[in-house]
C-alpha atoms as a PDB file:
ATOM      1  CA  MET A   1      -9.688  -5.308  -9.474  1.00  0.00           C
ATOM      2  CA  GLN A   2     -13.029  -4.197  -8.059  1.00  0.00           C
ATOM      3  CA  VAL A   3     -13.824  -5.463  -4.567  1.00  0.00           C
ATOM      4  CA  VAL A   4     -16.698  -7.878  -3.940  1.00  0.00           C
ATOM      5  CA  PRO A   5     -17.337  -7.863  -0.177  1.00  0.00           C
ATOM      6  CA  ASP A   6     -16.955 -11.194   1.614  1.00  0.00           C
ATOM      7  CA  THR A   7     -19.740 -11.265   4.173  1.00  0.00           C
ATOM      8  CA  SER A   8     -18.551 -14.540   5.695  1.00  0.00           C
ATOM      9  CA  ALA A   9     -15.393 -13.038   7.259  1.00  0.00           C
ATOM     10  CA  THR A  10     -15.755 -11.476  10.692  1.00  0.00           C
ATOM     11  CA  PRO A  11     -13.303  -9.431  12.740  1.00  0.00           C
ATOM     12  CA  PRO A  12     -11.690 -11.020  15.800  1.00  0.00           C
ATOM     13  CA  ALA A  13     -13.432 -10.374  19.121  1.00  0.00           C
ATOM     14  CA  TRP A  14     -10.709  -7.989  20.375  1.00  0.00           C
ATOM     15  CA  ALA A  15     -11.325  -5.634  17.424  1.00  0.00           C
ATOM     16  CA  ALA A  16     -15.018  -6.134  16.652  1.00  0.00           C
ATOM     17  CA  HIS A  17     -16.205  -3.059  18.594  1.00  0.00           C
ATOM     18  CA  ASP A  18     -14.402  -0.672  16.180  1.00  0.00           C
ATOM     19  CA  LEU A  19     -14.835  -2.544  12.914  1.00  0.00           C
ATOM     20  CA  GLY A  20     -17.588  -2.804  10.368  1.00  0.00           C
ATOM     21  CA  PRO A  21     -17.814  -5.317   7.552  1.00  0.00           C
ATOM     22  CA  VAL A  22     -14.836  -6.939   5.928  1.00  0.00           C
ATOM     23  CA  VAL A  23     -13.880  -5.160   2.712  1.00  0.00           C
ATOM     24  CA  ILE A  24     -11.333  -7.741   1.490  1.00  0.00           C
ATOM     25  CA  SER A  25     -10.785 -11.138   3.095  1.00  0.00           C
ATOM     26  CA  GLN A  26      -7.369 -12.584   3.877  1.00  0.00           C
ATOM     27  CA  ASP A  27      -7.832 -15.212   1.141  1.00  0.00           C
ATOM     28  CA  HIS A  28      -8.707 -12.595  -1.505  1.00  0.00           C
ATOM     29  CA  ILE A  29      -5.663 -10.538  -0.521  1.00  0.00           C
ATOM     30  CA  ALA A  30      -3.346 -13.554  -0.767  1.00  0.00           C
ATOM     31  CA  ALA A  31      -4.673 -14.498  -4.215  1.00  0.00           C
ATOM     32  CA  ARG A  32      -4.346 -10.949  -5.568  1.00  0.00           C
ATOM     33  CA  VAL A  33      -0.837 -10.437  -4.139  1.00  0.00           C
ATOM     34  CA  HIS A  34       0.227 -13.652  -5.883  1.00  0.00           C
ATOM     35  CA  GLU A  35      -1.195 -12.311  -9.194  1.00  0.00           C
ATOM     36  CA  LEU A  36       0.664  -9.016  -8.743  1.00  0.00           C
ATOM     37  CA  GLY A  37       3.899 -10.907  -8.015  1.00  0.00           C
ATOM     38  CA  ARG A  38       3.514 -12.910 -11.218  1.00  0.00           C
ATOM     39  CA  ALA A  39       2.925  -9.740 -13.272  1.00  0.00           C
ATOM     40  CA  ILE A  40       5.974  -8.013 -11.748  1.00  0.00           C
ATOM     41  CA  THR A  41       8.105 -11.124 -12.393  1.00  0.00           C
ATOM     42  CA  GLU A  42       7.130 -11.025 -16.085  1.00  0.00           C
ATOM     43  CA  ASP A  43       7.503  -7.244 -16.467  1.00  0.00           C
ATOM     44  CA  TYR A  44      10.942  -7.035 -14.853  1.00  0.00           C
ATOM     45  CA  ALA A  45      12.472 -10.313 -16.052  1.00  0.00           C
ATOM     46  CA  GLY A  46      16.156  -9.673 -16.725  1.00  0.00           C
ATOM     47  CA  ASP A  47      16.306  -6.403 -14.745  1.00  0.00           C
ATOM     48  CA  PRO A  48      14.783  -6.834 -11.270  1.00  0.00           C
ATOM     49  CA  PRO A  49      13.555  -3.716  -9.479  1.00  0.00           C
ATOM     50  CA  LEU A  50      14.404  -2.302  -6.104  1.00  0.00           C
ATOM     51  CA  LEU A  51      11.226  -2.595  -4.032  1.00  0.00           C
ATOM     52  CA  VAL A  52      10.710   0.502  -1.900  1.00  0.00           C
ATOM     53  CA  GLY A  53       8.206  -0.109   0.869  1.00  0.00           C
ATOM     54  CA  VAL A  54       6.455   2.843   2.434  1.00  0.00           C
ATOM     55  CA  LEU A  55       6.406   2.251   6.192  1.00  0.00           C
ATOM     56  CA  LYS A  56       4.600   1.267   8.202  1.00  0.00           C
ATOM     57  CA  GLY A  57       1.413   0.492   6.323  1.00  0.00           C
ATOM     58  CA  ALA A  58       2.941  -1.344   3.367  1.00  0.00           C
ATOM     59  CA  SER A  59       5.179  -3.632   5.443  1.00  0.00           C
ATOM     60  CA  MET A  60       2.914  -6.714   5.346  1.00  0.00           C
ATOM     61  CA  PHE A  61       1.980  -6.189   1.705  1.00  0.00           C
ATOM     62  CA  MET A  62       5.622  -5.718   0.678  1.00  0.00           C
ATOM     63  CA  THR A  63       6.718  -8.851   2.529  1.00  0.00           C
ATOM     64  CA  ASP A  64       4.083 -11.009   0.843  1.00  0.00           C
ATOM     65  CA  LEU A  65       4.624  -9.331  -2.539  1.00  0.00           C
ATOM     66  CA  ALA A  66       8.406  -9.861  -2.422  1.00  0.00           C
ATOM     67  CA  ARG A  67       7.861 -13.567  -1.731  1.00  0.00           C
ATOM     68  CA  SER A  68       5.553 -13.740  -4.762  1.00  0.00           C
ATOM     69  CA  ILE A  69       8.121 -12.221  -7.145  1.00  0.00           C
ATOM     70  CA  GLU A  70      10.380 -14.827  -8.707  1.00  0.00           C
ATOM     71  CA  LEU A  71      13.357 -12.515  -9.213  1.00  0.00           C
ATOM     72  CA  ALA A  72      16.310 -11.454  -7.079  1.00  0.00           C
ATOM     73  CA  VAL A  73      14.737  -8.182  -5.908  1.00  0.00           C
ATOM     74  CA  ASP A  74      16.351  -5.824  -3.412  1.00  0.00           C
ATOM     75  CA  LEU A  75      14.281  -4.259  -0.631  1.00  0.00           C
ATOM     76  CA  ASP A  76      14.488  -0.882   1.062  1.00  0.00           C
ATOM     77  CA  PHE A  77      12.072   1.176   3.126  1.00  0.00           C
ATOM     78  CA  MET A  78      11.018   4.784   3.541  1.00  0.00           C
ATOM     79  CA  ALA A  79       8.829   6.284   6.221  1.00  0.00           C
ATOM     80  CA  VAL A  80       6.647   9.161   5.099  1.00  0.00           C
ATOM     81  CA  SER A  81       4.141  10.984   7.271  1.00  0.00           C
ATOM     82  CA  SER A  82       1.040  12.810   6.099  1.00  0.00           C
ATOM     83  CA  TYR A  83      -1.595  11.438   8.482  1.00  0.00           C
ATOM     84  CA  GLY A  84      -0.244  11.572  12.039  1.00  0.00           C
ATOM     85  CA  SER A  85      -2.998   9.914  14.075  1.00  0.00           C
ATOM     86  CA  ALA A  86      -5.816  11.305  11.907  1.00  0.00           C
ATOM     87  CA  THR A  87      -8.019   9.366   9.494  1.00  0.00           C
ATOM     88  CA  LYS A  88      -7.541  11.897   6.654  1.00  0.00           C
ATOM     89  CA  SER A  89      -4.265  12.939   5.037  1.00  0.00           C
ATOM     90  CA  SER A  90      -3.076  16.428   5.996  1.00  0.00           C
ATOM     91  CA  GLY A  91      -1.492  16.893   2.559  1.00  0.00           C
ATOM     92  CA  ILE A  92       1.783  17.936   4.215  1.00  0.00           C
ATOM     93  CA  VAL A  93       4.455  15.301   3.573  1.00  0.00           C
ATOM     94  CA  ARG A  94       7.457  14.652   5.802  1.00  0.00           C
ATOM     95  CA  ILE A  95      10.219  12.116   5.054  1.00  0.00           C
ATOM     96  CA  VAL A  96      10.717  10.394   8.408  1.00  0.00           C
ATOM     97  CA  LYS A  97      13.145   7.686   7.191  1.00  0.00           C
ATOM     98  CA  ASP A  98      14.979   7.904   3.889  1.00  0.00           C
ATOM     99  CA  LEU A  99      16.329   5.121   1.680  1.00  0.00           C
ATOM    100  CA  GLU A 100      19.766   3.618   2.109  1.00  0.00           C
ATOM    101  CA  ALA A 101      20.030   2.277  -1.466  1.00  0.00           C
ATOM    102  CA  ASP A 102      21.503   4.154  -4.426  1.00  0.00           C
ATOM    103  CA  LEU A 103      18.751   4.538  -7.043  1.00  0.00           C
ATOM    104  CA  SER A 104      20.801   5.726  -9.996  1.00  0.00           C
ATOM    105  CA  GLY A 105      20.237   3.589 -13.085  1.00  0.00           C
ATOM    106  CA  ARG A 106      17.894   1.158 -11.287  1.00  0.00           C
ATOM    107  CA  HIS A 107      14.242   0.315 -11.725  1.00  0.00           C
ATOM    108  CA  VAL A 108      12.360   1.374  -8.594  1.00  0.00           C
ATOM    109  CA  LEU A 109       8.979  -0.066  -7.653  1.00  0.00           C
ATOM    110  CA  VAL A 110       7.288   1.862  -4.843  1.00  0.00           C
ATOM    111  CA  VAL A 111       5.088  -0.455  -2.778  1.00  0.00           C
ATOM    112  CA  GLU A 112       2.205   1.428  -1.152  1.00  0.00           C
ATOM    113  CA  ASP A 113      -0.585   0.203   1.077  1.00  0.00           C
ATOM    114  CA  ILE A 114      -3.296   2.651   0.003  1.00  0.00           C
ATOM    115  CA  VAL A 115      -3.687   5.602  -2.344  1.00  0.00           C
ATOM    116  CA  ASP A 116      -6.393   8.113  -1.567  1.00  0.00           C
ATOM    117  CA  SER A 117      -5.715  11.790  -2.436  1.00  0.00           C
ATOM    118  CA  GLY A 118      -2.470  10.808  -4.191  1.00  0.00           C
ATOM    119  CA  LEU A 119      -0.659  13.872  -2.821  1.00  0.00           C
ATOM    120  CA  THR A 120       1.835  11.882  -0.741  1.00  0.00           C
ATOM    121  CA  LEU A 121       2.567   9.464  -3.571  1.00  0.00           C
ATOM    122  CA  ASN A 122       2.953  12.316  -6.069  1.00  0.00           C
ATOM    123  CA  TYR A 123       5.493  13.998  -3.767  1.00  0.00           C
ATOM    124  CA  LEU A 124       7.325  10.722  -3.151  1.00  0.00           C
ATOM    125  CA  ARG A 125       7.574   9.896  -6.853  1.00  0.00           C
ATOM    126  CA  LYS A 126       9.138  13.287  -7.656  1.00  0.00           C
ATOM    127  CA  TYR A 127      11.501  12.908  -4.702  1.00  0.00           C
ATOM    128  CA  LEU A 128      12.689   9.508  -5.973  1.00  0.00           C
ATOM    129  CA  GLU A 129      12.914  10.579  -9.637  1.00  0.00           C
ATOM    130  CA  ALA A 130      15.374  13.313  -8.609  1.00  0.00           C
ATOM    131  CA  ARG A 131      17.824  10.501  -7.742  1.00  0.00           C
ATOM    132  CA  LYS A 132      18.098   9.433 -11.415  1.00  0.00           C
ATOM    133  CA  PRO A 133      16.631   5.899 -11.369  1.00  0.00           C
ATOM    134  CA  LYS A 134      15.997   4.052 -14.639  1.00  0.00           C
ATOM    135  CA  SER A 135      12.261   4.123 -13.818  1.00  0.00           C
ATOM    136  CA  VAL A 136       9.866   4.719 -10.916  1.00  0.00           C
ATOM    137  CA  GLU A 137       6.634   2.730 -10.905  1.00  0.00           C
ATOM    138  CA  VAL A 138       4.026   2.106  -8.213  1.00  0.00           C
ATOM    139  CA  CYS A 139       2.369  -1.018  -6.873  1.00  0.00           C
ATOM    140  CA  ALA A 140      -0.516  -0.060  -4.569  1.00  0.00           C
ATOM    141  CA  LEU A 141      -2.554  -2.619  -2.692  1.00  0.00           C
ATOM    142  CA  LEU A 142      -5.598  -0.330  -2.484  1.00  0.00           C
ATOM    143  CA  LEU A 143      -6.893   2.602  -4.517  1.00  0.00           C
ATOM    144  CA  LYS A 144      -9.734   4.599  -2.974  1.00  0.00           C
ATOM    145  CA  GLU A 145     -12.283   5.253  -5.672  1.00  0.00           C
ATOM    146  CA  GLY A 146     -12.846   8.925  -6.531  1.00  0.00           C
ATOM    147  CA  GLU A 147     -10.492  10.361  -3.878  1.00  0.00           C
ATOM    148  CA  GLN A 148      -7.516  11.359  -6.078  1.00  0.00           C
ATOM    149  CA  ARG A 149      -6.690  15.061  -6.184  1.00  0.00           C
ATOM    150  CA  VAL A 150      -3.795  14.642  -8.617  1.00  0.00           C
ATOM    151  CA  SER A 151      -3.356  12.573 -11.759  1.00  0.00           C
ATOM    152  CA  LEU A 152      -1.558   9.324 -10.955  1.00  0.00           C
ATOM    153  CA  ASP A 153      -0.020   6.643 -13.118  1.00  0.00           C
ATOM    154  CA  LEU A 154      -0.227   3.453 -11.071  1.00  0.00           C
ATOM    155  CA  ARG A 155       1.290   0.476 -12.855  1.00  0.00           C
ATOM    156  CA  TYR A 156      -0.118  -2.129 -10.450  1.00  0.00           C
ATOM    157  CA  VAL A 157      -3.232  -1.882  -8.281  1.00  0.00           C
ATOM    158  CA  GLY A 158      -4.451  -4.698  -6.078  1.00  0.00           C
ATOM    159  CA  PHE A 159      -8.001  -3.531  -5.404  1.00  0.00           C
ATOM    160  CA  THR A 160     -10.173  -0.465  -5.924  1.00  0.00           C
ATOM    161  CA  ILE A 161     -12.291   0.204  -2.842  1.00  0.00           C
ATOM    162  CA  PRO A 162     -15.059   2.652  -1.906  1.00  0.00           C
ATOM    163  CA  PRO A 163     -13.927   5.887  -0.197  1.00  0.00           C
ATOM    164  CA  THR A 164     -14.234   4.619   3.380  1.00  0.00           C
ATOM    165  CA  PHE A 165     -11.559   4.399   6.070  1.00  0.00           C
ATOM    166  CA  VAL A 166     -10.178   0.869   6.323  1.00  0.00           C
ATOM    167  CA  VAL A 167      -7.781  -0.979   8.621  1.00  0.00           C
ATOM    168  CA  GLY A 168      -5.996  -4.320   8.635  1.00  0.00           C
ATOM    169  CA  TYR A 169      -3.196  -5.999   6.687  1.00  0.00           C
ATOM    170  CA  GLY A 170      -0.801  -3.203   7.664  1.00  0.00           C
ATOM    171  CA  LEU A 171      -3.315  -0.343   7.621  1.00  0.00           C
ATOM    172  CA  ASP A 172      -3.948   1.284  10.973  1.00  0.00           C
ATOM    173  CA  VAL A 173      -5.599   3.978  12.988  1.00  0.00           C
ATOM    174  CA  ALA A 174      -3.343   5.326  15.747  1.00  0.00           C
ATOM    175  CA  GLU A 175      -1.042   2.276  15.246  1.00  0.00           C
ATOM    176  CA  ARG A 176      -3.804  -0.281  15.922  1.00  0.00           C
ATOM    177  CA  TYR A 177      -5.292  -3.057  13.740  1.00  0.00           C
ATOM    178  CA  ARG A 178      -2.265  -3.537  11.465  1.00  0.00           C
ATOM    179  CA  ASN A 179      -2.151  -7.224  12.424  1.00  0.00           C
ATOM    180  CA  LEU A 180      -5.597  -8.129  11.067  1.00  0.00           C
ATOM    181  CA  GLY A 181      -5.338 -10.612   8.186  1.00  0.00           C
ATOM    182  CA  GLY A 182      -8.184  -9.041   6.219  1.00  0.00           C
ATOM    183  CA  ILE A 183      -9.132  -5.428   5.511  1.00  0.00           C
ATOM    184  CA  PHE A 184     -12.125  -4.049   7.411  1.00  0.00           C
ATOM    185  CA  THR A 185     -14.148  -0.853   7.486  1.00  0.00           C
ATOM    186  CA  TYR A 186     -13.178   1.208  10.535  1.00  0.00           C
ATOM    187  CA  THR A 187     -16.198   2.474  12.496  1.00  0.00           C
ATOM    188  CA  GLY A 188     -14.511   3.449  15.769  1.00  0.00           C
ATOM    189  CA  PRO A 189     -13.658   6.864  17.225  1.00  0.00           C
ATOM    190  CA  GLY A 190     -12.756   9.519  14.656  1.00  0.00           C
ATOM    191  CA  SER A 191     -14.247   7.575  11.739  1.00  0.00           C
ATOM    192  CA  HIS A 192     -16.960  10.110  10.920  1.00  0.00           C
END
């Protein structure tokens, strides 16, 4: 789904100094997450997937998505680092927290907050496929237009956005702004 900016939404006063315009409002996010949940419910009816959330950015998205799926899904989390405190991916991937669940013979749906270069996701998918799941698919809230450096097969995408740095709804810079309900352009230090 292509993003149509909502010019009526404004950032809260405590964050306004580092934020530009809203990219996706809280209401648009909620509506799209509900649509994704319905599609996943239909696609996995009879064989619910294990949802694998990529911490910390996907935590809010995964919570809302899981509540929108009308199946008995299991949840697990991984923490993967490729950014540190920077606003661009380093391309070097580290597994910081691994899964606890056994993947063998199960459908796995990786829940990601944002896909830009695709390098981290590509690494993660291969890492998970080595554990012999029935399938590994991806549900990404955001896809940055024109930023991919590898070919990706994303089964579910919430929104395609311009290649700008964004925060909110789980996305951060140096651990800040995750708690914003909408997604905003980041214009603060290190954004250029």
